[in-house]
């Protein structure tokens, strides 16, 4: 009987798993429409009063996304004012939704990685994550790996989709 050999385990393939870089911490989303008249009209005096009376401490050490879920036309200063109120408590604040927040977190994390360790190696961007890794993070990782990696694939080692391969130099 022939011995079964795990070719994937014995390969030189480097796995780049974005889940390994997933920042721990609570994510929260603040919807500005809760402080608008009928969810659509911003009355400055009322808006400022509601922000003043809001319990911002509930966002202590959290990652926070600020958005407006309605089609209200919100002046540019409104989300900035919310961010100013959040600043003493939140770890990070972005304008947008939770995916925008995670994308921003990944941008910071991925910008600090030394990609030269993947020089001239085949790399697989591990897919099928259990954590909510945004597509933007995969695109950024591929972009950052491309100058170094010999090849980049996406998925799992057993069924990877080729994305990039360097051309052989003549």
C-alpha atoms as a PDB file:
ATOM      1  CA  UNK A   1       0.000   0.000   0.000  1.00  0.00           C
ATOM      2  CA  UNK A   2       1.301   3.432  -1.004  1.00  0.00           C
ATOM      3  CA  UNK A   3       1.883   6.061   1.641  1.00  0.00           C
ATOM      4  CA  UNK A   4      -0.411   9.090   1.401  1.00  0.00           C
ATOM      5  CA  UNK A   5       1.639  12.259   1.113  1.00  0.00           C
ATOM      6  CA  UNK A   6       0.233  15.648   2.032  1.00  0.00           C
ATOM      7  CA  UNK A   7       1.618  17.706  -0.844  1.00  0.00           C
ATOM      8  CA  UNK A   8       0.088  20.913   0.501  1.00  0.00           C
ATOM      9  CA  UNK A   9       1.851  20.572   3.859  1.00  0.00           C
ATOM     10  CA  UNK A  10       5.149  19.847   2.108  1.00  0.00           C
ATOM     11  CA  UNK A  11       4.886  22.679  -0.406  1.00  0.00           C
ATOM     12  CA  UNK A  12       6.682  26.017  -0.293  1.00  0.00           C
ATOM     13  CA  UNK A  13       3.322  27.752  -0.484  1.00  0.00           C
ATOM     14  CA  UNK A  14       3.010  30.635   1.990  1.00  0.00           C
ATOM     15  CA  UNK A  15      -0.460  31.205   3.433  1.00  0.00           C
ATOM     16  CA  UNK A  16      -1.442  34.833   4.031  1.00  0.00           C
ATOM     17  CA  UNK A  17      -4.473  34.619   6.314  1.00  0.00           C
ATOM     18  CA  UNK A  18      -6.150  37.972   6.912  1.00  0.00           C
ATOM     19  CA  UNK A  19      -7.970  36.502   9.915  1.00  0.00           C
ATOM     20  CA  UNK A  20      -4.590  36.401  11.666  1.00  0.00           C
ATOM     21  CA  UNK A  21      -4.582  40.200  11.551  1.00  0.00           C
ATOM     22  CA  UNK A  22      -8.225  40.737  12.528  1.00  0.00           C
ATOM     23  CA  UNK A  23      -8.217  43.407  15.242  1.00  0.00           C
ATOM     24  CA  UNK A  24      -9.910  42.357  18.448  1.00  0.00           C
ATOM     25  CA  UNK A  25     -12.376  44.784  19.924  1.00  0.00           C
ATOM     26  CA  UNK A  26     -16.003  45.794  19.923  1.00  0.00           C
ATOM     27  CA  UNK A  27     -17.388  47.499  16.846  1.00  0.00           C
ATOM     28  CA  UNK A  28     -20.293  49.907  17.101  1.00  0.00           C
ATOM     29  CA  UNK A  29     -22.245  51.949  14.624  1.00  0.00           C
ATOM     30  CA  UNK A  30     -23.837  55.287  15.421  1.00  0.00           C
ATOM     31  CA  UNK A  31     -26.722  56.325  13.216  1.00  0.00           C
ATOM     32  CA  UNK A  32     -27.071  60.105  13.099  1.00  0.00           C
ATOM     33  CA  UNK A  33     -30.700  59.808  12.001  1.00  0.00           C
ATOM     34  CA  UNK A  34     -31.652  59.023  15.623  1.00  0.00           C
ATOM     35  CA  UNK A  35     -30.988  62.717  16.406  1.00  0.00           C
ATOM     36  CA  UNK A  36     -32.807  64.136  13.369  1.00  0.00           C
ATOM     37  CA  UNK A  37     -36.402  65.319  13.372  1.00  0.00           C
ATOM     38  CA  UNK A  38     -38.357  62.376  11.938  1.00  0.00           C
ATOM     39  CA  UNK A  39     -34.999  60.943  10.897  1.00  0.00           C
ATOM     40  CA  UNK A  40     -34.524  63.518   8.146  1.00  0.00           C
ATOM     41  CA  UNK A  41     -34.249  67.088   9.390  1.00  0.00           C
ATOM     42  CA  UNK A  42     -31.323  68.377  11.380  1.00  0.00           C
ATOM     43  CA  UNK A  43     -32.257  71.209  13.701  1.00  0.00           C
ATOM     44  CA  UNK A  44     -28.894  72.411  14.975  1.00  0.00           C
ATOM     45  CA  UNK A  45     -29.962  73.467  18.465  1.00  0.00           C
ATOM     46  CA  UNK A  46     -31.831  70.189  19.105  1.00  0.00           C
ATOM     47  CA  UNK A  47     -29.050  68.145  17.516  1.00  0.00           C
ATOM     48  CA  UNK A  48     -26.382  69.708  19.727  1.00  0.00           C
ATOM     49  CA  UNK A  49     -28.546  69.264  22.826  1.00  0.00           C
ATOM     50  CA  UNK A  50     -29.113  65.569  22.115  1.00  0.00           C
ATOM     51  CA  UNK A  51     -25.392  65.008  21.557  1.00  0.00           C
ATOM     52  CA  UNK A  52     -24.651  66.810  24.800  1.00  0.00           C
ATOM     53  CA  UNK A  53     -27.037  64.513  26.697  1.00  0.00           C
ATOM     54  CA  UNK A  54     -25.921  61.265  25.033  1.00  0.00           C
ATOM     55  CA  UNK A  55     -23.915  58.746  27.095  1.00  0.00           C
ATOM     56  CA  UNK A  56     -20.683  58.606  25.085  1.00  0.00           C
ATOM     57  CA  UNK A  57     -18.938  56.483  27.708  1.00  0.00           C
ATOM     58  CA  UNK A  58     -20.750  53.416  26.356  1.00  0.00           C
ATOM     59  CA  UNK A  59     -18.272  53.507  23.443  1.00  0.00           C
ATOM     60  CA  UNK A  60     -15.205  53.280  25.692  1.00  0.00           C
ATOM     61  CA  UNK A  61     -12.362  51.474  23.866  1.00  0.00           C
ATOM     62  CA  UNK A  62     -14.602  50.571  20.917  1.00  0.00           C
ATOM     63  CA  UNK A  63     -14.186  50.972  17.174  1.00  0.00           C
ATOM     64  CA  UNK A  64     -17.022  53.211  15.990  1.00  0.00           C
ATOM     65  CA  UNK A  65     -18.533  53.908  12.568  1.00  0.00           C
ATOM     66  CA  UNK A  66     -20.706  56.996  12.119  1.00  0.00           C
ATOM     67  CA  UNK A  67     -23.356  56.997   9.421  1.00  0.00           C
ATOM     68  CA  UNK A  68     -26.858  58.150   8.560  1.00  0.00           C
ATOM     69  CA  UNK A  69     -29.257  55.386   7.560  1.00  0.00           C
ATOM     70  CA  UNK A  70     -31.817  57.702   5.992  1.00  0.00           C
ATOM     71  CA  UNK A  71     -31.628  59.806   2.851  1.00  0.00           C
ATOM     72  CA  UNK A  72     -31.322  62.940   4.968  1.00  0.00           C
ATOM     73  CA  UNK A  73     -29.042  65.662   3.702  1.00  0.00           C
ATOM     74  CA  UNK A  74     -26.741  66.018   6.678  1.00  0.00           C
ATOM     75  CA  UNK A  75     -24.341  68.971   6.832  1.00  0.00           C
ATOM     76  CA  UNK A  76     -20.652  68.010   6.781  1.00  0.00           C
ATOM     77  CA  UNK A  77     -20.100  69.284  10.314  1.00  0.00           C
ATOM     78  CA  UNK A  78     -22.673  66.892  11.855  1.00  0.00           C
ATOM     79  CA  UNK A  79     -20.670  63.641  11.738  1.00  0.00           C
ATOM     80  CA  UNK A  80     -17.566  65.610  12.692  1.00  0.00           C
ATOM     81  CA  UNK A  81     -19.364  66.905  15.782  1.00  0.00           C
ATOM     82  CA  UNK A  82     -20.363  63.339  16.664  1.00  0.00           C
ATOM     83  CA  UNK A  83     -16.725  62.271  16.235  1.00  0.00           C
ATOM     84  CA  UNK A  84     -15.586  65.085  18.527  1.00  0.00           C
ATOM     85  CA  UNK A  85     -17.958  63.801  21.217  1.00  0.00           C
ATOM     86  CA  UNK A  86     -16.710  60.235  20.714  1.00  0.00           C
ATOM     87  CA  UNK A  87     -13.001  61.062  20.677  1.00  0.00           C
ATOM     88  CA  UNK A  88     -12.361  60.803  24.437  1.00  0.00           C
ATOM     89  CA  UNK A  89     -13.846  57.294  24.495  1.00  0.00           C
ATOM     90  CA  UNK A  90     -13.523  55.475  21.167  1.00  0.00           C
ATOM     91  CA  UNK A  91     -10.347  53.731  20.007  1.00  0.00           C
ATOM     92  CA  UNK A  92     -11.043  54.543  16.349  1.00  0.00           C
ATOM     93  CA  UNK A  93     -13.754  56.522  14.583  1.00  0.00           C
ATOM     94  CA  UNK A  94     -14.662  56.439  10.890  1.00  0.00           C
ATOM     95  CA  UNK A  95     -17.415  57.826   8.741  1.00  0.00           C
ATOM     96  CA  UNK A  96     -19.323  54.950   7.150  1.00  0.00           C
ATOM     97  CA  UNK A  97     -20.565  51.514   8.115  1.00  0.00           C
ATOM     98  CA  UNK A  98     -18.973  48.598   9.959  1.00  0.00           C
ATOM     99  CA  UNK A  99     -17.356  47.286   6.769  1.00  0.00           C
ATOM    100  CA  UNK A 100     -15.797  50.721   6.196  1.00  0.00           C
ATOM    101  CA  UNK A 101     -14.544  50.600   9.767  1.00  0.00           C
ATOM    102  CA  UNK A 102     -12.993  47.150   9.323  1.00  0.00           C
ATOM    103  CA  UNK A 103     -11.456  48.272   6.021  1.00  0.00           C
ATOM    104  CA  UNK A 104      -9.862  51.232   7.758  1.00  0.00           C
ATOM    105  CA  UNK A 105      -8.514  49.005  10.535  1.00  0.00           C
ATOM    106  CA  UNK A 106      -7.025  46.621   7.975  1.00  0.00           C
ATOM    107  CA  UNK A 107      -5.459  49.510   6.039  1.00  0.00           C
ATOM    108  CA  UNK A 108      -3.541  50.489   9.164  1.00  0.00           C
ATOM    109  CA  UNK A 109      -2.521  46.926   9.998  1.00  0.00           C
ATOM    110  CA  UNK A 110      -1.539  45.887   6.466  1.00  0.00           C
ATOM    111  CA  UNK A 111       0.549  49.028   5.965  1.00  0.00           C
ATOM    112  CA  UNK A 112       2.858  47.903   8.801  1.00  0.00           C
ATOM    113  CA  UNK A 113       3.649  44.418   7.477  1.00  0.00           C
ATOM    114  CA  UNK A 114       7.049  43.572   6.004  1.00  0.00           C
ATOM    115  CA  UNK A 115       6.028  41.870   2.751  1.00  0.00           C
ATOM    116  CA  UNK A 116       9.638  41.128   1.794  1.00  0.00           C
ATOM    117  CA  UNK A 117       9.352  37.830   3.694  1.00  0.00           C
ATOM    118  CA  UNK A 118       7.204  36.676   0.742  1.00  0.00           C
ATOM    119  CA  UNK A 119       9.926  37.533  -1.790  1.00  0.00           C
ATOM    120  CA  UNK A 120       9.847  35.137  -4.744  1.00  0.00           C
ATOM    121  CA  UNK A 121       7.452  32.768  -2.964  1.00  0.00           C
ATOM    122  CA  UNK A 122       4.069  31.440  -4.036  1.00  0.00           C
ATOM    123  CA  UNK A 123       1.438  32.953  -1.736  1.00  0.00           C
ATOM    124  CA  UNK A 124      -2.159  32.033  -1.137  1.00  0.00           C
ATOM    125  CA  UNK A 125      -4.584  34.608   0.214  1.00  0.00           C
ATOM    126  CA  UNK A 126      -6.638  32.378   2.450  1.00  0.00           C
ATOM    127  CA  UNK A 127     -10.346  32.657   1.764  1.00  0.00           C
ATOM    128  CA  UNK A 128     -13.391  31.372   3.615  1.00  0.00           C
ATOM    129  CA  UNK A 129     -12.775  33.363   6.744  1.00  0.00           C
ATOM    130  CA  UNK A 130     -14.914  32.990   9.845  1.00  0.00           C
ATOM    131  CA  UNK A 131     -14.434  36.657  10.702  1.00  0.00           C
ATOM    132  CA  UNK A 132     -15.876  39.541   8.679  1.00  0.00           C
ATOM    133  CA  UNK A 133     -12.780  40.368   6.640  1.00  0.00           C
ATOM    134  CA  UNK A 134     -13.793  43.051   4.111  1.00  0.00           C
ATOM    135  CA  UNK A 135     -13.057  42.593   0.403  1.00  0.00           C
ATOM    136  CA  UNK A 136     -11.037  45.797   0.527  1.00  0.00           C
ATOM    137  CA  UNK A 137      -8.551  44.044   2.836  1.00  0.00           C
ATOM    138  CA  UNK A 138      -8.063  41.202   0.339  1.00  0.00           C
ATOM    139  CA  UNK A 139      -7.489  43.693  -2.473  1.00  0.00           C
ATOM    140  CA  UNK A 140      -5.007  45.669  -0.387  1.00  0.00           C
ATOM    141  CA  UNK A 141      -3.173  42.502   0.684  1.00  0.00           C
ATOM    142  CA  UNK A 142      -2.884  41.348  -2.935  1.00  0.00           C
ATOM    143  CA  UNK A 143      -1.636  44.781  -3.966  1.00  0.00           C
ATOM    144  CA  UNK A 144       0.998  44.784  -1.212  1.00  0.00           C
ATOM    145  CA  UNK A 145       2.100  41.201  -1.932  1.00  0.00           C
ATOM    146  CA  UNK A 146       2.357  41.604  -5.702  1.00  0.00           C
ATOM    147  CA  UNK A 147       5.775  43.332  -5.813  1.00  0.00           C
ATOM    148  CA  UNK A 148       7.271  40.469  -3.777  1.00  0.00           C
ATOM    149  CA  UNK A 149       5.394  37.217  -4.396  1.00  0.00           C
ATOM    150  CA  UNK A 150       6.255  34.907  -7.258  1.00  0.00           C
ATOM    151  CA  UNK A 151       2.557  34.085  -7.492  1.00  0.00           C
ATOM    152  CA  UNK A 152      -0.657  34.912  -5.636  1.00  0.00           C
ATOM    153  CA  UNK A 153      -3.673  32.654  -5.373  1.00  0.00           C
ATOM    154  CA  UNK A 154      -6.946  32.997  -3.510  1.00  0.00           C
ATOM    155  CA  UNK A 155      -8.885  30.388  -1.574  1.00  0.00           C
ATOM    156  CA  UNK A 156      -7.655  27.225   0.059  1.00  0.00           C
ATOM    157  CA  UNK A 157      -4.548  25.284  -0.943  1.00  0.00           C
ATOM    158  CA  UNK A 158      -6.660  22.414  -2.254  1.00  0.00           C
ATOM    159  CA  UNK A 159      -8.721  24.660  -4.555  1.00  0.00           C
ATOM    160  CA  UNK A 160      -6.930  27.951  -5.078  1.00  0.00           C
ATOM    161  CA  UNK A 161      -7.766  30.399  -7.841  1.00  0.00           C
ATOM    162  CA  UNK A 162      -4.683  31.916  -9.499  1.00  0.00           C
ATOM    163  CA  UNK A 163      -4.633  35.720  -9.352  1.00  0.00           C
ATOM    164  CA  UNK A 164      -1.100  36.735 -10.269  1.00  0.00           C
ATOM    165  CA  UNK A 165       2.119  35.203 -11.515  1.00  0.00           C
ATOM    166  CA  UNK A 166       5.387  36.946 -12.298  1.00  0.00           C
ATOM    167  CA  UNK A 167       6.659  36.619 -15.808  1.00  0.00           C
ATOM    168  CA  UNK A 168       9.861  34.643 -16.122  1.00  0.00           C
ATOM    169  CA  UNK A 169      12.824  36.862 -16.931  1.00  0.00           C
ATOM    170  CA  UNK A 170      14.656  35.909 -20.095  1.00  0.00           C
END
